Amino acid sequence: MHYTIRHNSGGFHGHQLKDHFGARAIAKLYGLEYRHTPYPYLEFFGIGEGETPLPFFQRKLGIGAKPVAGPYWDGFTDYDTFRATFDPILQPAEGSGFIRLEKACRLHPHQTIAWQREGLIDRDIFGEIVQETTARYAAKHGPLPTRQPGDPLRVAMHISRGGDYNREQYPEHFADPYNVRYMFPMEYFLTIYRQIQAAAGGRAVELNIYTEERNSEDIVEAFTGLEGVTLYLGCNRRQPDEAEIEGIFKAFVAADVLVSCNSSFSTEAIFFRGDRPSIYHPHRHLNDLPDWPYLATDASGEFDVDELRRHL
């Protein structure tokens, strides 16, 4: 049976990519075949590259559509709960209709890693989505650059700020590193910076830091003047510049090393990077990843430097 994805739960690019990959993970476990619904807001990301489009009359008129809606913001950690939720409505069936997953109908791809490890499923859903997404992005934008001998180590670091950096309005952003959008202190990112320098073993490191201009004062103070660091103070989320956003995401994907924060804009870039190393903090919407090419930090920013050094 066919399915498509309707991106209608609001949010910005990262949020909607979570919806997309979350729906893809669900459909893979039920053997559904994807049909692409064109969506200009995410066109840059290549999510429909090479995919069969859903016929126009079905897209526009919804003929034969069976909506399956969330929101399931946090996906499913328990396999039995997941199956009890979707078995009654997603078991493959013959017919001319199609499933329409919408309104944040999510199973976060990383949540399937434990299920495979425990023998509950027999597929590497997370790995499949990473490889397929990387291939689609490359088909749209060309292959990722390769680092040549003598090239500096190019690192992209995302430090989320903007309107989310508000203790009074969003206390949860400052309460627990496991929370989505948690705002790490500067020492967390400085610790990562120092460890990357150590892993590089004297080779040049170019660290490009991307953040919003609003509430960026502590970032500017902490990183200005440090060796190899360039700061990019971009547009604020409420006044987006599409060309700038796309340029930043390209930098995330192409970097030799990506340092994400607990923001979906940089964590979702991991799905586009194939086997390039990414440093992340385990949190509610991304955790339990393989030890390579994913390097998990603790709350202070410490990660397995030796593992990174071995692969540079």
C-alpha atoms as a PDB file:
ATOM      1  CA  MET A   1       0.000   0.000   0.000  1.00  0.00           C
ATOM      2  CA  HIS A   2       1.156   3.526  -0.714  1.00  0.00           C
ATOM      3  CA  TYR A   3       1.580   6.375   1.735  1.00  0.00           C
ATOM      4  CA  THR A   4       2.448  10.037   1.632  1.00  0.00           C
ATOM      5  CA  ILE A   5       3.344  12.648   4.230  1.00  0.00           C
ATOM      6  CA  ARG A   6       1.478  15.855   4.853  1.00  0.00           C
ATOM      7  CA  HIS A   7       3.595  18.425   6.682  1.00  0.00           C
ATOM      8  CA  ASN A   8       0.967  20.310   8.639  1.00  0.00           C
ATOM      9  CA  SER A   9       2.038  20.415  12.293  1.00  0.00           C
ATOM     10  CA  GLY A  10       3.638  23.860  12.082  1.00  0.00           C
ATOM     11  CA  GLY A  11       7.178  24.634  13.135  1.00  0.00           C
ATOM     12  CA  PHE A  12      10.292  25.503  11.179  1.00  0.00           C
ATOM     13  CA  HIS A  13      12.553  23.419   8.934  1.00  0.00           C
ATOM     14  CA  GLY A  14      14.030  21.182  11.627  1.00  0.00           C
ATOM     15  CA  HIS A  15      10.645  20.518  13.216  1.00  0.00           C
ATOM     16  CA  GLN A  16       9.158  19.533   9.874  1.00  0.00           C
ATOM     17  CA  LEU A  17      12.119  17.314   9.018  1.00  0.00           C
ATOM     18  CA  LYS A  18      11.457  15.494  12.297  1.00  0.00           C
ATOM     19  CA  ASP A  19       7.887  14.974  11.127  1.00  0.00           C
ATOM     20  CA  HIS A  20       9.166  13.662   7.799  1.00  0.00           C
ATOM     21  CA  PHE A  21      11.724  11.201   9.136  1.00  0.00           C
ATOM     22  CA  GLY A  22       9.363  10.139  11.907  1.00  0.00           C
ATOM     23  CA  ALA A  23       6.711   9.244   9.351  1.00  0.00           C
ATOM     24  CA  ARG A  24       9.263   7.470   7.150  1.00  0.00           C
ATOM     25  CA  ALA A  25      10.282   5.280  10.093  1.00  0.00           C
ATOM     26  CA  ILE A  26       6.683   4.275  10.797  1.00  0.00           C
ATOM     27  CA  ALA A  27       6.023   3.422   7.164  1.00  0.00           C
ATOM     28  CA  LYS A  28       9.166   1.316   6.826  1.00  0.00           C
ATOM     29  CA  LEU A  29       8.067  -0.922   9.683  1.00  0.00           C
ATOM     30  CA  TYR A  30       4.743  -1.545   7.931  1.00  0.00           C
ATOM     31  CA  GLY A  31       6.121  -2.096   4.443  1.00  0.00           C
ATOM     32  CA  LEU A  32       4.383   0.933   2.945  1.00  0.00           C
ATOM     33  CA  GLU A  33       5.623   2.420  -0.345  1.00  0.00           C
ATOM     34  CA  TYR A  34       6.331   6.143  -0.409  1.00  0.00           C
ATOM     35  CA  ARG A  35       4.629   8.545  -2.800  1.00  0.00           C
ATOM     36  CA  HIS A  36       5.892  12.099  -2.651  1.00  0.00           C
ATOM     37  CA  THR A  37       3.669  15.095  -2.053  1.00  0.00           C
ATOM     38  CA  PRO A  38       5.624  18.149  -3.276  1.00  0.00           C
ATOM     39  CA  TYR A  39       6.137  20.665  -0.505  1.00  0.00           C
ATOM     40  CA  PRO A  40       8.040  23.860  -1.391  1.00  0.00           C
ATOM     41  CA  TYR A  41       9.094  24.640   2.194  1.00  0.00           C
ATOM     42  CA  LEU A  42      11.278  21.507   2.290  1.00  0.00           C
ATOM     43  CA  GLU A  43      12.168  21.332  -1.406  1.00  0.00           C
ATOM     44  CA  PHE A  44      15.766  22.420  -0.780  1.00  0.00           C
ATOM     45  CA  PHE A  45      16.412  19.346   1.389  1.00  0.00           C
ATOM     46  CA  GLY A  46      15.809  16.912  -1.471  1.00  0.00           C
ATOM     47  CA  ILE A  47      13.368  14.739   0.470  1.00  0.00           C
ATOM     48  CA  GLY A  48      11.434  13.928  -2.713  1.00  0.00           C
ATOM     49  CA  GLU A  49      14.423  13.541  -5.017  1.00  0.00           C
ATOM     50  CA  GLY A  50      13.907  10.548  -7.300  1.00  0.00           C
ATOM     51  CA  GLU A  51      10.634   9.610  -5.602  1.00  0.00           C
ATOM     52  CA  THR A  52       7.390   8.806  -7.406  1.00  0.00           C
ATOM     53  CA  PRO A  53       4.943  11.675  -6.897  1.00  0.00           C
ATOM     54  CA  LEU A  54       1.470  11.097  -5.580  1.00  0.00           C
ATOM     55  CA  PRO A  55      -0.967  11.665  -8.470  1.00  0.00           C
ATOM     56  CA  PHE A  56      -2.238  15.221  -8.683  1.00  0.00           C
ATOM     57  CA  PHE A  57      -5.905  14.370  -8.166  1.00  0.00           C
ATOM     58  CA  GLN A  58      -5.092  12.439  -5.010  1.00  0.00           C
ATOM     59  CA  ARG A  59      -2.919  15.255  -3.655  1.00  0.00           C
ATOM     60  CA  LYS A  60      -5.372  18.030  -4.316  1.00  0.00           C
ATOM     61  CA  LEU A  61      -8.679  16.273  -3.734  1.00  0.00           C
ATOM     62  CA  GLY A  62      -7.609  13.674  -1.198  1.00  0.00           C
ATOM     63  CA  ILE A  63      -9.382  10.939  -3.137  1.00  0.00           C
ATOM     64  CA  GLY A  64      -8.707   7.593  -1.483  1.00  0.00           C
ATOM     65  CA  ALA A  65      -6.789   9.148   1.404  1.00  0.00           C
ATOM     66  CA  LYS A  66      -6.804   7.507   4.814  1.00  0.00           C
ATOM     67  CA  PRO A  67      -5.478  10.141   7.244  1.00  0.00           C
ATOM     68  CA  VAL A  68      -3.372   8.857  10.147  1.00  0.00           C
ATOM     69  CA  ALA A  69      -2.636  11.767  12.442  1.00  0.00           C
ATOM     70  CA  GLY A  70      -0.546  12.613  15.487  1.00  0.00           C
ATOM     71  CA  PRO A  71       0.748  14.477  17.232  1.00  0.00           C
ATOM     72  CA  TYR A  72       3.240  12.033  18.671  1.00  0.00           C
ATOM     73  CA  TRP A  73       5.903  14.634  19.407  1.00  0.00           C
ATOM     74  CA  ASP A  74       8.176  12.274  21.322  1.00  0.00           C
ATOM     75  CA  GLY A  75       7.554   9.216  19.161  1.00  0.00           C
ATOM     76  CA  PHE A  76       7.482   5.820  20.895  1.00  0.00           C
ATOM     77  CA  THR A  77      10.064   4.212  23.138  1.00  0.00           C
ATOM     78  CA  ASP A  78       7.934   1.148  23.905  1.00  0.00           C
ATOM     79  CA  TYR A  79       7.533  -1.277  21.007  1.00  0.00           C
ATOM     80  CA  ASP A  80       4.277  -2.812  22.226  1.00  0.00           C
ATOM     81  CA  THR A  81       2.679   0.617  22.606  1.00  0.00           C
ATOM     82  CA  PHE A  82       3.800   1.511  19.096  1.00  0.00           C
ATOM     83  CA  ARG A  83       2.302  -1.652  17.615  1.00  0.00           C
ATOM     84  CA  ALA A  84      -0.921  -1.304  19.576  1.00  0.00           C
ATOM     85  CA  THR A  85      -1.269   2.234  18.227  1.00  0.00           C
ATOM     86  CA  PHE A  86      -0.653   1.503  14.550  1.00  0.00           C
ATOM     87  CA  ASP A  87      -1.457  -2.183  13.929  1.00  0.00           C
ATOM     88  CA  PRO A  88      -5.208  -1.544  13.666  1.00  0.00           C
ATOM     89  CA  ILE A  89      -4.741   1.128  11.000  1.00  0.00           C
ATOM     90  CA  LEU A  90      -1.510   0.425   9.097  1.00  0.00           C
ATOM     91  CA  GLN A  91      -1.461  -3.274   8.324  1.00  0.00           C
ATOM     92  CA  PRO A  92      -0.819  -3.581   4.563  1.00  0.00           C
ATOM     93  CA  ALA A  93      -3.987  -3.960   2.519  1.00  0.00           C
ATOM     94  CA  GLU A  94      -4.874  -4.179  -1.137  1.00  0.00           C
ATOM     95  CA  GLY A  95      -6.745  -1.373  -2.805  1.00  0.00           C
ATOM     96  CA  SER A  96      -6.403   1.907  -4.623  1.00  0.00           C
ATOM     97  CA  GLY A  97      -6.362   4.124  -1.549  1.00  0.00           C
ATOM     98  CA  PHE A  98      -3.343   5.454   0.282  1.00  0.00           C
ATOM     99  CA  ILE A  99      -2.256   6.340   3.805  1.00  0.00           C
ATOM    100  CA  ARG A 100      -1.603   9.995   4.609  1.00  0.00           C
ATOM    101  CA  LEU A 101       0.616  10.418   7.662  1.00  0.00           C
ATOM    102  CA  GLU A 102       0.201  13.901   9.084  1.00  0.00           C
ATOM    103  CA  LYS A 103       0.227  16.226  12.096  1.00  0.00           C
ATOM    104  CA  ALA A 104       3.531  15.021  13.572  1.00  0.00           C
ATOM    105  CA  CYS A 105       2.810  11.307  13.226  1.00  0.00           C
ATOM    106  CA  ARG A 106       6.280  10.315  14.417  1.00  0.00           C
ATOM    107  CA  LEU A 107       8.449   7.409  15.371  1.00  0.00           C
ATOM    108  CA  HIS A 108      11.885   8.967  15.814  1.00  0.00           C
ATOM    109  CA  PRO A 109      14.274   6.821  13.745  1.00  0.00           C
ATOM    110  CA  HIS A 110      16.739   6.443  16.624  1.00  0.00           C
ATOM    111  CA  GLN A 111      14.002   4.768  18.681  1.00  0.00           C
ATOM    112  CA  THR A 112      14.201   1.735  16.393  1.00  0.00           C
ATOM    113  CA  ILE A 113      17.864   1.122  17.275  1.00  0.00           C
ATOM    114  CA  ALA A 114      17.039  -0.452  20.635  1.00  0.00           C
ATOM    115  CA  TRP A 115      14.227  -2.474  19.056  1.00  0.00           C
ATOM    116  CA  GLN A 116      16.653  -4.008  16.570  1.00  0.00           C
ATOM    117  CA  ARG A 117      19.211  -4.649  19.306  1.00  0.00           C
ATOM    118  CA  GLU A 118      16.541  -6.444  21.353  1.00  0.00           C
ATOM    119  CA  GLY A 119      15.420  -8.562  18.389  1.00  0.00           C
ATOM    120  CA  LEU A 120      11.992  -6.928  18.127  1.00  0.00           C
ATOM    121  CA  ILE A 121      12.670  -5.876  14.527  1.00  0.00           C
ATOM    122  CA  ASP A 122      15.201  -7.189  12.011  1.00  0.00           C
ATOM    123  CA  ARG A 123      16.064  -3.984  10.111  1.00  0.00           C
ATOM    124  CA  ASP A 124      18.382  -1.052  10.728  1.00  0.00           C
ATOM    125  CA  ILE A 125      15.704   1.575  10.143  1.00  0.00           C
ATOM    126  CA  PHE A 126      17.877   4.423  11.412  1.00  0.00           C
ATOM    127  CA  GLY A 127      20.768   3.467   9.136  1.00  0.00           C
ATOM    128  CA  GLU A 128      18.466   3.065   6.139  1.00  0.00           C
ATOM    129  CA  ILE A 129      17.023   6.546   6.598  1.00  0.00           C
ATOM    130  CA  VAL A 130      20.494   8.096   6.968  1.00  0.00           C
ATOM    131  CA  GLN A 131      21.829   6.443   3.819  1.00  0.00           C
ATOM    132  CA  GLU A 132      18.725   7.152   1.732  1.00  0.00           C
ATOM    133  CA  THR A 133      18.531  10.774   2.864  1.00  0.00           C
ATOM    134  CA  THR A 134      22.235  11.305   2.179  1.00  0.00           C
ATOM    135  CA  ALA A 135      21.820   9.878  -1.323  1.00  0.00           C
ATOM    136  CA  ARG A 136      18.790  12.039  -2.110  1.00  0.00           C
ATOM    137  CA  TYR A 137      20.566  15.170  -0.910  1.00  0.00           C
ATOM    138  CA  ALA A 138      23.621  14.324  -3.017  1.00  0.00           C
ATOM    139  CA  ALA A 139      21.411  13.728  -6.050  1.00  0.00           C
ATOM    140  CA  LYS A 140      19.998  17.229  -5.646  1.00  0.00           C
ATOM    141  CA  HIS A 141      23.099  19.172  -4.577  1.00  0.00           C
ATOM    142  CA  GLY A 142      26.012  17.029  -5.732  1.00  0.00           C
ATOM    143  CA  PRO A 143      28.411  14.858  -3.740  1.00  0.00           C
ATOM    144  CA  LEU A 144      29.802  16.133  -0.464  1.00  0.00           C
ATOM    145  CA  PRO A 145      33.341  17.555  -0.605  1.00  0.00           C
ATOM    146  CA  THR A 146      36.213  15.338   0.456  1.00  0.00           C
ATOM    147  CA  ARG A 147      39.066  16.545   2.632  1.00  0.00           C
ATOM    148  CA  GLN A 148      42.470  16.366   0.984  1.00  0.00           C
ATOM    149  CA  PRO A 149      45.827  15.913   2.748  1.00  0.00           C
ATOM    150  CA  GLY A 150      46.883  19.248   4.171  1.00  0.00           C
ATOM    151  CA  ASP A 151      43.351  20.642   4.288  1.00  0.00           C
ATOM    152  CA  PRO A 152      42.208  22.091   7.610  1.00  0.00           C
ATOM    153  CA  LEU A 153      39.632  20.184   9.619  1.00  0.00           C
ATOM    154  CA  ARG A 154      36.390  22.024   8.908  1.00  0.00           C
ATOM    155  CA  VAL A 155      33.967  22.013  11.830  1.00  0.00           C
ATOM    156  CA  ALA A 156      30.447  23.460  11.889  1.00  0.00           C
ATOM    157  CA  MET A 157      29.040  24.188  15.349  1.00  0.00           C
ATOM    158  CA  HIS A 158      25.439  25.197  15.981  1.00  0.00           C
ATOM    159  CA  ILE A 159      24.590  27.130  19.135  1.00  0.00           C
ATOM    160  CA  SER A 160      20.869  27.838  19.261  1.00  0.00           C
ATOM    161  CA  ARG A 161      19.818  31.200  20.642  1.00  0.00           C
ATOM    162  CA  GLY A 162      17.201  33.643  19.344  1.00  0.00           C
ATOM    163  CA  GLY A 163      13.831  33.873  21.054  1.00  0.00           C
ATOM    164  CA  ASP A 164      14.189  30.404  22.603  1.00  0.00           C
ATOM    165  CA  TYR A 165      16.856  31.795  24.938  1.00  0.00           C
ATOM    166  CA  ASN A 166      14.419  33.138  27.517  1.00  0.00           C
ATOM    167  CA  ARG A 167      14.415  31.670  31.032  1.00  0.00           C
ATOM    168  CA  GLU A 168      11.188  33.328  32.050  1.00  0.00           C
ATOM    169  CA  GLN A 169       9.191  32.238  29.015  1.00  0.00           C
ATOM    170  CA  TYR A 170      10.835  28.828  28.475  1.00  0.00           C
ATOM    171  CA  PRO A 171      12.189  27.522  31.808  1.00  0.00           C
ATOM    172  CA  GLU A 172      12.337  24.002  30.353  1.00  0.00           C
ATOM    173  CA  HIS A 173      15.077  25.176  27.966  1.00  0.00           C
ATOM    174  CA  PHE A 174      17.346  25.663  30.982  1.00  0.00           C
ATOM    175  CA  ALA A 175      16.178  22.847  33.261  1.00  0.00           C
ATOM    176  CA  ASP A 176      17.629  19.571  31.953  1.00  0.00           C
ATOM    177  CA  PRO A 177      20.118  18.686  29.170  1.00  0.00           C
ATOM    178  CA  TYR A 178      17.757  15.869  28.133  1.00  0.00           C
ATOM    179  CA  ASN A 179      15.170  18.432  27.060  1.00  0.00           C
ATOM    180  CA  VAL A 180      14.689  19.475  23.455  1.00  0.00           C
ATOM    181  CA  ARG A 181      16.100  23.006  22.901  1.00  0.00           C
ATOM    182  CA  TYR A 182      18.134  22.899  26.111  1.00  0.00           C
ATOM    183  CA  MET A 183      20.484  25.894  26.262  1.00  0.00           C
ATOM    184  CA  PHE A 184      23.952  24.682  27.180  1.00  0.00           C
ATOM    185  CA  PRO A 185      26.337  27.080  28.925  1.00  0.00           C
ATOM    186  CA  MET A 186      29.319  28.360  26.966  1.00  0.00           C
ATOM    187  CA  GLU A 187      31.730  26.093  28.818  1.00  0.00           C
ATOM    188  CA  TYR A 188      29.990  23.099  27.193  1.00  0.00           C
ATOM    189  CA  PHE A 189      30.876  24.334  23.699  1.00  0.00           C
ATOM    190  CA  LEU A 190      34.345  25.513  24.727  1.00  0.00           C
ATOM    191  CA  THR A 191      35.049  22.026  26.069  1.00  0.00           C
ATOM    192  CA  ILE A 192      34.057  20.530  22.718  1.00  0.00           C
ATOM    193  CA  TYR A 193      36.244  23.078  20.903  1.00  0.00           C
ATOM    194  CA  ARG A 194      39.290  22.191  23.016  1.00  0.00           C
ATOM    195  CA  GLN A 195      38.761  18.456  22.490  1.00  0.00           C
ATOM    196  CA  ILE A 196      38.475  18.843  18.718  1.00  0.00           C
ATOM    197  CA  GLN A 197      41.725  20.801  18.737  1.00  0.00           C
ATOM    198  CA  ALA A 198      43.330  17.974  20.716  1.00  0.00           C
ATOM    199  CA  ALA A 199      41.979  15.317  18.339  1.00  0.00           C
ATOM    200  CA  ALA A 200      43.371  17.236  15.354  1.00  0.00           C
ATOM    201  CA  GLY A 201      46.859  16.777  16.790  1.00  0.00           C
ATOM    202  CA  GLY A 202      48.286  20.093  15.650  1.00  0.00           C
ATOM    203  CA  ARG A 203      46.562  20.164  12.277  1.00  0.00           C
ATOM    204  CA  ALA A 204      44.692  23.341  11.451  1.00  0.00           C
ATOM    205  CA  VAL A 205      41.061  23.503  12.565  1.00  0.00           C
ATOM    206  CA  GLU A 206      38.514  25.875  11.054  1.00  0.00           C
ATOM    207  CA  LEU A 207      35.570  26.161  13.438  1.00  0.00           C
ATOM    208  CA  ASN A 208      32.555  28.005  12.072  1.00  0.00           C
ATOM    209  CA  ILE A 209      29.922  28.801  14.691  1.00  0.00           C
ATOM    210  CA  TYR A 210      26.364  29.462  13.548  1.00  0.00           C
ATOM    211  CA  THR A 211      23.810  31.152  15.764  1.00  0.00           C
ATOM    212  CA  GLU A 212      21.083  33.770  15.698  1.00  0.00           C
ATOM    213  CA  GLU A 213      22.091  37.363  16.299  1.00  0.00           C
ATOM    214  CA  ARG A 214      19.530  37.763  19.065  1.00  0.00           C
ATOM    215  CA  ASN A 215      20.882  36.713  22.480  1.00  0.00           C
ATOM    216  CA  SER A 216      24.303  35.875  21.043  1.00  0.00           C
ATOM    217  CA  GLU A 217      26.303  38.115  23.387  1.00  0.00           C
ATOM    218  CA  ASP A 218      27.744  35.287  25.499  1.00  0.00           C
ATOM    219  CA  ILE A 219      28.827  33.402  22.377  1.00  0.00           C
ATOM    220  CA  VAL A 220      30.628  36.434  20.993  1.00  0.00           C
ATOM    221  CA  GLU A 221      32.355  37.020  24.320  1.00  0.00           C
ATOM    222  CA  ALA A 222      33.448  33.388  24.717  1.00  0.00           C
ATOM    223  CA  PHE A 223      34.736  32.685  21.206  1.00  0.00           C
ATOM    224  CA  THR A 224      36.015  35.975  19.803  1.00  0.00           C
ATOM    225  CA  GLY A 225      39.752  35.771  19.254  1.00  0.00           C
ATOM    226  CA  LEU A 226      40.085  32.003  19.632  1.00  0.00           C
ATOM    227  CA  GLU A 227      42.297  30.252  17.100  1.00  0.00           C
ATOM    228  CA  GLY A 228      40.533  29.168  13.933  1.00  0.00           C
ATOM    229  CA  VAL A 229      37.077  30.390  15.026  1.00  0.00           C
ATOM    230  CA  THR A 230      34.683  32.334  12.803  1.00  0.00           C
ATOM    231  CA  LEU A 231      31.304  33.495  14.112  1.00  0.00           C
ATOM    232  CA  TYR A 232      28.248  33.723  11.866  1.00  0.00           C
ATOM    233  CA  LEU A 233      25.434  35.695  13.470  1.00  0.00           C
ATOM    234  CA  GLY A 234      22.440  34.913  11.310  1.00  0.00           C
ATOM    235  CA  CYS A 235      18.844  35.966  11.016  1.00  0.00           C
ATOM    236  CA  ASN A 236      16.453  35.371  13.881  1.00  0.00           C
ATOM    237  CA  ARG A 237      13.903  32.582  13.600  1.00  0.00           C
ATOM    238  CA  ARG A 238      10.940  34.923  13.372  1.00  0.00           C
ATOM    239  CA  GLN A 239      12.481  36.824  10.446  1.00  0.00           C
ATOM    240  CA  PRO A 240      13.921  33.988   8.362  1.00  0.00           C
ATOM    241  CA  ASP A 241      16.105  34.495   5.306  1.00  0.00           C
ATOM    242  CA  GLU A 242      15.666  31.360   3.213  1.00  0.00           C
ATOM    243  CA  ALA A 243      18.940  31.732   1.313  1.00  0.00           C
ATOM    244  CA  GLU A 244      20.864  32.165   4.555  1.00  0.00           C
ATOM    245  CA  ILE A 245      19.116  29.200   6.187  1.00  0.00           C
ATOM    246  CA  GLU A 246      19.900  26.974   3.214  1.00  0.00           C
ATOM    247  CA  GLY A 247      23.530  28.106   3.212  1.00  0.00           C
ATOM    248  CA  ILE A 248      23.898  27.276   6.904  1.00  0.00           C
ATOM    249  CA  PHE A 249      22.335  23.847   6.453  1.00  0.00           C
ATOM    250  CA  LYS A 250      24.684  23.152   3.548  1.00  0.00           C
ATOM    251  CA  ALA A 251      27.576  24.006   5.862  1.00  0.00           C
ATOM    252  CA  PHE A 252      26.224  21.616   8.506  1.00  0.00           C
ATOM    253  CA  VAL A 253      26.023  18.773   6.002  1.00  0.00           C
ATOM    254  CA  ALA A 254      29.370  19.412   4.294  1.00  0.00           C
ATOM    255  CA  ALA A 255      31.491  19.906   7.431  1.00  0.00           C
ATOM    256  CA  ASP A 256      34.148  17.346   8.283  1.00  0.00           C
ATOM    257  CA  VAL A 257      32.706  17.392  11.806  1.00  0.00           C
ATOM    258  CA  LEU A 258      29.279  18.691  12.852  1.00  0.00           C
ATOM    259  CA  VAL A 259      28.634  19.840  16.413  1.00  0.00           C
ATOM    260  CA  SER A 260      24.886  20.002  16.941  1.00  0.00           C
ATOM    261  CA  CYS A 261      22.995  21.327  19.921  1.00  0.00           C
ATOM    262  CA  ASN A 262      19.581  20.188  21.146  1.00  0.00           C
ATOM    263  CA  SER A 263      17.965  21.989  18.220  1.00  0.00           C
ATOM    264  CA  SER A 264      16.239  20.126  15.420  1.00  0.00           C
ATOM    265  CA  PHE A 265      17.844  22.391  12.801  1.00  0.00           C
ATOM    266  CA  SER A 266      21.270  20.873  13.448  1.00  0.00           C
ATOM    267  CA  THR A 267      20.315  17.435  14.782  1.00  0.00           C
ATOM    268  CA  GLU A 268      18.306  16.664  11.643  1.00  0.00           C
ATOM    269  CA  ALA A 269      21.380  17.509   9.548  1.00  0.00           C
ATOM    270  CA  ILE A 270      22.859  14.258  10.884  1.00  0.00           C
ATOM    271  CA  PHE A 271      20.526  12.330   8.562  1.00  0.00           C
ATOM    272  CA  PHE A 272      22.115  13.999   5.519  1.00  0.00           C
ATOM    273  CA  ARG A 273      25.771  13.345   6.395  1.00  0.00           C
ATOM    274  CA  GLY A 274      26.242   9.640   5.733  1.00  0.00           C
ATOM    275  CA  ASP A 275      29.266   8.429   7.696  1.00  0.00           C
ATOM    276  CA  ARG A 276      30.701  11.869   8.531  1.00  0.00           C
ATOM    277  CA  PRO A 277      31.232  12.348  12.266  1.00  0.00           C
ATOM    278  CA  SER A 278      28.682  14.305  14.270  1.00  0.00           C
ATOM    279  CA  ILE A 279      28.970  15.350  17.911  1.00  0.00           C
ATOM    280  CA  TYR A 280      25.668  15.569  19.769  1.00  0.00           C
ATOM    281  CA  HIS A 281      24.176  15.500  23.233  1.00  0.00           C
ATOM    282  CA  PRO A 282      21.714  12.631  23.832  1.00  0.00           C
ATOM    283  CA  HIS A 283      18.276  14.069  24.478  1.00  0.00           C
ATOM    284  CA  ARG A 284      14.626  13.197  24.121  1.00  0.00           C
ATOM    285  CA  HIS A 285      14.524  13.415  20.323  1.00  0.00           C
ATOM    286  CA  LEU A 286      17.981  11.982  19.537  1.00  0.00           C
ATOM    287  CA  ASN A 287      19.817   9.403  21.632  1.00  0.00           C
ATOM    288  CA  ASP A 288      21.252   5.872  21.705  1.00  0.00           C
ATOM    289  CA  LEU A 289      23.059   6.331  18.373  1.00  0.00           C
ATOM    290  CA  PRO A 290      25.900   4.042  17.251  1.00  0.00           C
ATOM    291  CA  ASP A 291      29.296   4.961  18.711  1.00  0.00           C
ATOM    292  CA  TRP A 292      30.537   5.932  15.243  1.00  0.00           C
ATOM    293  CA  PRO A 293      30.092   8.211  13.356  1.00  0.00           C
ATOM    294  CA  TYR A 294      28.102   9.704  16.238  1.00  0.00           C
ATOM    295  CA  LEU A 295      29.972  10.986  19.281  1.00  0.00           C
ATOM    296  CA  ALA A 296      27.782  11.565  22.321  1.00  0.00           C
ATOM    297  CA  THR A 297      28.743  14.208  24.860  1.00  0.00           C
ATOM    298  CA  ASP A 298      27.983  14.336  28.538  1.00  0.00           C
ATOM    299  CA  ALA A 299      26.443  17.422  30.116  1.00  0.00           C
ATOM    300  CA  SER A 300      29.839  19.122  30.366  1.00  0.00           C
ATOM    301  CA  GLY A 301      30.736  18.573  26.701  1.00  0.00           C
ATOM    302  CA  GLU A 302      33.123  15.641  27.166  1.00  0.00           C
ATOM    303  CA  PHE A 303      33.110  12.995  24.422  1.00  0.00           C
ATOM    304  CA  ASP A 304      35.350  10.157  23.211  1.00  0.00           C
ATOM    305  CA  VAL A 305      38.245  12.175  21.808  1.00  0.00           C
ATOM    306  CA  ASP A 306      40.266   9.059  20.981  1.00  0.00           C
ATOM    307  CA  GLU A 307      37.454   7.765  18.769  1.00  0.00           C
ATOM    308  CA  LEU A 308      37.433  11.019  16.798  1.00  0.00           C
ATOM    309  CA  ARG A 309      41.243  11.070  16.581  1.00  0.00           C
ATOM    310  CA  ARG A 310      41.308   7.539  15.147  1.00  0.00           C
ATOM    311  CA  HIS A 311      39.106   8.571  12.240  1.00  0.00           C
ATOM    312  CA  LEU A 312      40.687  11.901  11.320  1.00  0.00           C
END
